[in-house]
C-alpha cells in the first residue's frame, strides 16, 4: 500500500468514526439539554461528555492505526534499525548465524570458555557444557547427544558420525558460510580461514573481527568496538585507531615512543 492510499484510507476511517462519535455524544447530551437547558449542571455534563468522547476517540484511532496494513510495514522497518549499535530483531532469523535475538537486539553468541546457559548461547562450533562454551566433538569422538557433535549427529554407539548437516572444517565443501565453523567462511564452495585485521575483504563474513570496512579491508575489534588497524585509513582522530596507535596523515600508525637521551657532562 503506497503512502497516499494509506493516508486516504486513514482519513476516511477517521471521518466516519468522528461522525459516529459525535452522534453518540449528541444522543447522550439530549436528555440533559431538555431537562436542564443551559445552567451550571448542564455545562458540567457537557464537559464530562466531551472528555468521554475524546477518550473514546483516542482509543479508536489507536486501534485503527495498529490494525491497518501500515503497522505491518512499520514492524518490518523496525528490524532494519539499530539500537546502541546493535540490530533490532524479533526472532533469531532476523540475526546472523553467529548472533542470537535477545531482548529484541541481535547480540553476538558466546565464544570458547565464555559463560552460557543454553547450547544456542554459543557459536555454531561450540556447545554449552557446565555453563561454559566448549568445542564440539569431531567424527569418532564420544558423545551423548547430537548437539555435542560438529556433524550434528551422535550415533547409536555414542560416537559422533558423519551427516549431511555437518558443520564444515577447513577445506570442507560448503554452500554458504553458515555451513562452516565459526572461524571460517565459505570461499568458492570450500570452508577457508577468515581474514586478519587489515587484509582485503568483500563483506563482513570474510573477517575474523566480523567487520569489513567501506574501503574493503577488515577492521580490528577491541572491547566490542571496531577500529582502523595500523597502516590503514582514512582516519580523522587517534580514537579511530587501535589503542597505542595514532592517526598520522589520515593513516593509523603505531605510536613511536621517543626516549630522550641525556648526555652526561664533565665539569
Protein backbone atom coordinates (compact mmCIF):
# COMPACT_ATOMS: atom_id res chain seq x y z
CA UNK A 1 0.00 0.00 0.00
CA UNK A 2 1.50 3.36 -1.01
CA UNK A 3 1.56 6.31 1.39
CA UNK A 4 -1.15 8.28 -0.47
CA UNK A 5 -3.66 5.42 -0.38
CA UNK A 6 -2.79 4.75 3.23
CA UNK A 7 -3.34 8.39 4.25
CA UNK A 8 -6.61 8.48 2.29
CA UNK A 9 -7.84 5.29 3.96
CA UNK A 10 -6.93 6.59 7.42
CA UNK A 11 -8.57 9.94 6.67
CA UNK A 12 -11.83 8.32 5.54
CA UNK A 13 -11.89 5.97 8.51
CA UNK A 14 -11.25 8.79 10.98
CA UNK A 15 -14.01 10.87 9.38
CA UNK A 16 -16.57 8.05 9.67
CA UNK A 17 -15.69 7.30 13.29
CA UNK A 18 -15.76 11.00 14.16
CA UNK A 19 -19.32 11.34 12.82
CA UNK A 20 -20.44 8.23 14.73
CA UNK A 21 -18.91 9.51 17.97
CA UNK A 22 -20.50 12.94 17.50
CA UNK A 23 -23.91 11.34 17.01
CA UNK A 24 -23.42 9.23 20.15
CA UNK A 25 -22.40 12.38 22.02
CA UNK A 26 -25.50 14.29 20.88
CA UNK A 27 -27.79 11.39 21.85
CA UNK A 28 -26.08 11.24 25.24
CA UNK A 29 -26.48 15.01 25.76
CA UNK A 30 -30.08 15.30 24.51
CA UNK A 31 -31.80 14.31 27.81
CA UNK A 32 -29.76 16.87 29.73
CA UNK A 33 -30.50 19.55 27.12
CA UNK A 34 -34.24 19.01 27.54
CA UNK A 35 -34.16 18.76 31.35
CA UNK A 36 -31.62 21.36 32.41
CA UNK A 37 -31.44 23.67 29.41
CA UNK A 38 -28.45 25.97 29.97
CA UNK A 39 -27.27 26.06 33.58
CA UNK A 40 -24.09 25.13 35.51
CA UNK A 41 -25.12 21.49 35.85
CA UNK A 42 -25.66 21.27 32.13
CA UNK A 43 -22.22 22.78 31.46
CA UNK A 44 -20.70 20.24 33.87
CA UNK A 45 -22.28 17.37 31.97
CA UNK A 46 -21.17 18.95 28.70
CA UNK A 47 -17.55 18.91 29.92
CA UNK A 48 -17.73 15.33 31.15
CA UNK A 49 -19.34 14.20 27.92
CA UNK A 50 -16.75 15.90 25.75
CA UNK A 51 -13.97 14.34 27.85
CA UNK A 52 -15.56 10.91 27.43
CA UNK A 53 -15.84 11.40 23.67
CA UNK A 54 -12.21 12.49 23.47
CA UNK A 55 -11.02 9.40 25.37
CA UNK A 56 -13.11 7.05 23.20
CA UNK A 57 -11.92 8.84 20.07
CA UNK A 58 -8.26 8.42 21.09
CA UNK A 59 -8.73 4.70 21.77
CA UNK A 60 -10.48 4.14 18.43
CA UNK A 61 -7.79 5.98 16.47
CA UNK A 62 -5.07 3.93 18.20
CA UNK A 63 -6.86 0.68 17.31
CA UNK A 64 -7.28 1.82 13.70
CA UNK A 65 -3.57 2.57 13.40
CA UNK A 66 -2.45 -0.74 14.89
CA UNK A 67 -4.78 -2.87 12.78
CA UNK A 68 -4.07 -1.28 9.39
CA UNK A 69 -1.63 -2.62 6.84
CA UNK A 70 0.77 0.20 7.67
CA UNK A 71 1.52 -1.35 11.03
CA UNK A 72 3.00 -4.37 9.23
CA UNK A 73 5.33 -2.09 7.28
CA UNK A 74 6.37 -0.35 10.49
CA UNK A 75 7.14 -3.70 12.12
CA UNK A 76 9.33 -4.71 9.16
CA UNK A 77 11.16 -1.37 9.26
CA UNK A 78 11.93 -1.78 12.96
CA UNK A 79 14.08 -4.83 12.15
CA UNK A 80 16.37 -2.77 9.91
CA UNK A 81 17.03 -0.18 12.62
CA UNK A 82 19.72 -0.35 15.28
CA UNK A 83 19.84 0.42 19.00
CA UNK A 84 23.18 1.24 20.61
CA UNK A 85 24.92 -0.17 17.53
CA UNK A 86 23.01 -3.48 17.69
CA UNK A 87 20.48 -4.59 15.12
CA UNK A 88 16.87 -4.84 16.32
CA UNK A 89 15.12 -8.19 15.95
CA UNK A 90 12.02 -10.24 16.79
CA UNK A 91 13.42 -13.76 16.25
CA UNK A 92 16.82 -15.41 15.71
CA UNK A 93 16.06 -15.46 11.97
CA UNK A 94 16.49 -11.67 11.93
CA UNK A 95 20.13 -12.05 13.06
CA UNK A 96 23.25 -13.64 11.56
CA UNK A 97 24.19 -17.28 12.24
CA UNK A 98 26.63 -16.17 14.95
CA UNK A 99 24.11 -13.96 16.74
CA UNK A 100 21.10 -14.54 18.97
CA UNK A 101 17.97 -12.40 19.35
CA UNK A 102 17.83 -11.34 23.00
CA UNK A 103 15.57 -8.57 24.35
CA UNK A 104 14.80 -7.55 20.73
CA UNK A 105 18.51 -7.00 19.96
CA UNK A 106 20.90 -9.13 17.87
CA UNK A 107 23.72 -9.99 20.26
CA UNK A 108 26.88 -11.94 19.47
CA UNK A 109 26.89 -15.54 20.62
CA UNK A 110 29.49 -16.61 23.17
CA UNK A 111 32.90 -17.87 22.12
CA UNK A 112 35.06 -20.56 23.73
CA UNK A 113 35.23 -20.55 27.56
CA UNK A 114 32.62 -17.82 27.93
CA UNK A 115 29.69 -18.45 30.26
CA UNK A 116 26.47 -19.86 28.82
CA UNK A 117 23.12 -21.27 29.85
CA UNK A 118 21.90 -22.98 26.68
CA UNK A 119 23.60 -24.55 23.64
CA UNK A 120 22.37 -21.79 21.33
CA UNK A 121 24.14 -19.20 23.50
CA UNK A 122 27.40 -20.39 21.88
CA UNK A 123 28.67 -20.00 18.29
CA UNK A 124 27.92 -22.92 15.97
CA UNK A 125 31.09 -24.97 16.56
CA UNK A 126 30.69 -24.85 20.36
CA UNK A 127 28.16 -26.25 22.83
CA UNK A 128 27.28 -25.36 26.42
CA UNK A 129 28.84 -27.77 28.92
CA UNK A 130 28.84 -26.97 32.65
CA UNK A 131 27.91 -23.35 31.89
CA UNK A 132 30.92 -22.88 29.57
CA UNK A 133 31.07 -22.80 25.76
CA UNK A 134 33.37 -25.66 24.72
CA UNK A 135 34.36 -27.14 21.30
CA UNK A 136 32.01 -29.68 19.73
CA UNK A 137 33.27 -33.22 19.16
CA UNK A 138 34.66 -34.46 15.85
CA UNK A 139 33.81 -37.65 13.95
CA UNK A 140 34.54 -40.68 16.15
CA UNK A 141 34.59 -38.75 19.43
CA UNK A 142 32.38 -39.87 22.33
CA UNK A 143 29.03 -38.06 22.58
CA UNK A 144 25.72 -38.16 24.44
CA UNK A 145 23.54 -36.16 22.05
CA UNK A 146 23.58 -34.52 18.62
CA UNK A 147 24.38 -31.05 20.00
CA UNK A 148 27.80 -32.26 21.14
CA UNK A 149 28.94 -33.12 17.58
CA UNK A 150 30.20 -30.90 14.77
CA UNK A 151 28.38 -33.27 12.44
CA UNK A 152 25.17 -32.61 14.43
CA UNK A 153 24.74 -36.41 14.68
CA UNK A 154 25.54 -38.70 17.64
CA UNK A 155 25.37 -42.38 16.59
CA UNK A 156 23.88 -45.36 18.42
CA UNK A 157 27.31 -46.29 19.81
CA UNK A 158 27.64 -42.81 21.37
CA UNK A 159 30.17 -41.66 18.81
CA UNK A 160 29.89 -38.63 16.52
CA UNK A 161 29.16 -39.81 12.98
CA UNK A 162 29.05 -38.00 9.64
CA UNK A 163 25.81 -36.40 8.43
CA UNK A 164 24.52 -34.03 5.78
CA UNK A 165 24.14 -31.35 8.49
CA UNK A 166 27.82 -31.45 9.47
CA UNK A 167 29.45 -28.09 10.31
CA UNK A 168 32.37 -27.72 7.91
CA UNK A 169 36.02 -27.70 8.98
CA UNK A 170 38.87 -26.22 6.94
CA UNK A 171 38.66 -27.21 3.23
CA UNK A 172 35.29 -28.96 3.71
CA UNK A 173 32.71 -28.29 0.99
CA UNK A 174 30.07 -25.64 1.66
CA UNK A 175 27.33 -23.62 0.03
CA UNK A 176 27.30 -20.63 2.40
CA UNK A 177 29.40 -19.51 5.39
CA UNK A 178 26.66 -20.84 7.66
CA UNK A 179 27.87 -24.35 6.71
CA UNK A 180 31.35 -23.65 8.15
CA UNK A 181 32.80 -23.37 11.64
CA UNK A 182 32.75 -20.00 13.42
CA UNK A 183 36.31 -19.02 12.45
CA UNK A 184 35.86 -20.00 8.79
CA UNK A 185 33.92 -18.68 5.81
CA UNK A 186 32.75 -20.26 2.55
CA UNK A 187 35.16 -19.28 -0.24
CA UNK A 188 34.46 -20.84 -3.65
CA UNK A 189 32.48 -23.68 -2.05
CA UNK A 190 35.24 -24.52 0.46
CA UNK A 191 35.50 -23.57 4.14
CA UNK A 192 38.51 -21.24 4.42
CA UNK A 193 40.19 -19.23 7.15
CA UNK A 194 38.75 -15.79 7.76
CA UNK A 195 40.84 -12.69 7.01
CA UNK A 196 43.01 -10.99 9.62
CA UNK A 197 42.78 -7.31 10.56
CA UNK A 198 43.84 -5.09 7.65
CA UNK A 199 43.51 -7.79 4.98
CA UNK A 200 41.33 -7.28 1.92
CA UNK A 201 37.67 -8.37 2.19
CA UNK A 202 34.40 -8.23 0.30
CA UNK A 203 31.91 -8.48 3.18
CA UNK A 204 31.69 -8.88 6.96
CA UNK A 205 31.73 -12.69 6.94
CA UNK A 206 35.25 -12.64 5.40
CA UNK A 207 36.78 -11.09 8.55
CA UNK A 208 37.76 -12.57 11.90
CA UNK A 209 36.56 -9.34 13.51
CA UNK A 210 33.23 -9.61 11.69
CA UNK A 211 33.52 -6.16 10.10
CA UNK A 212 34.66 -5.26 6.57
CA UNK A 213 35.18 -1.52 6.10
CA UNK A 214 33.81 0.58 3.24
CA UNK A 215 37.41 0.62 1.90
CA UNK A 216 37.22 -3.22 1.75
CA UNK A 217 39.68 -4.23 4.44
CA UNK A 218 38.99 -5.98 7.76
CA UNK A 219 38.66 -3.67 10.76
CA UNK A 220 40.15 -4.56 14.14
CA UNK A 221 37.95 -5.23 17.16
CA UNK A 222 38.64 -4.46 20.82
CA UNK A 223 36.14 -4.32 23.69
CA UNK A 224 33.21 -4.79 21.26
CA UNK A 225 34.27 -1.69 19.26
CA UNK A 226 35.77 -1.55 15.77
CA UNK A 227 38.98 0.34 14.96
CA UNK A 228 41.14 1.00 11.94
CA UNK A 229 44.22 -1.26 12.07
CA UNK A 230 47.74 0.08 11.65
CA UNK A 231 48.84 1.22 8.18
CA UNK A 232 45.22 1.62 7.11
CA UNK A 233 42.91 4.61 6.77
CA UNK A 234 41.37 7.04 6.32
CA UNK A 235 41.20 8.20 9.93
CA UNK A 236 40.36 11.55 11.48
CA UNK A 237 41.24 11.13 15.14
CA UNK A 238 43.50 8.95 17.28
CA UNK A 239 40.33 7.40 18.70
CA UNK A 240 39.63 5.91 15.24
CA UNK A 241 42.72 3.73 15.63
CA UNK A 242 43.66 0.84 17.88
CA UNK A 243 45.00 1.55 21.35
CA UNK A 244 48.64 2.69 21.36
CA UNK A 245 48.20 3.89 17.75
CA UNK A 246 47.80 7.41 16.35
CA UNK A 247 46.18 8.97 13.29
CA UNK A 248 49.03 10.42 11.25
CA UNK A 249 48.23 12.00 7.87
CA UNK A 250 44.88 10.15 7.78
CA UNK A 251 46.57 6.78 8.33
CA UNK A 252 46.67 4.80 11.60
CA UNK A 253 50.25 4.19 12.70
CA UNK A 254 51.89 2.58 15.70
CA UNK A 255 52.80 5.13 18.32
CA UNK A 256 56.55 5.84 18.45
CA UNK A 257 57.88 6.30 21.95
CA UNK A 258 60.62 8.91 21.88
CA UNK A 259 63.25 8.38 24.54
CA UNK A 260 65.26 11.44 25.41
CA UNK A 261 68.96 10.69 25.53
CA UNK A 262 70.65 12.69 28.24
CA UNK A 263 74.36 13.16 27.83
CA UNK A 264 76.40 13.44 30.94
CA UNK A 265 78.71 16.42 31.07
CA UNK A 266 82.01 16.55 32.78
CA UNK A 267 82.70 19.67 34.71
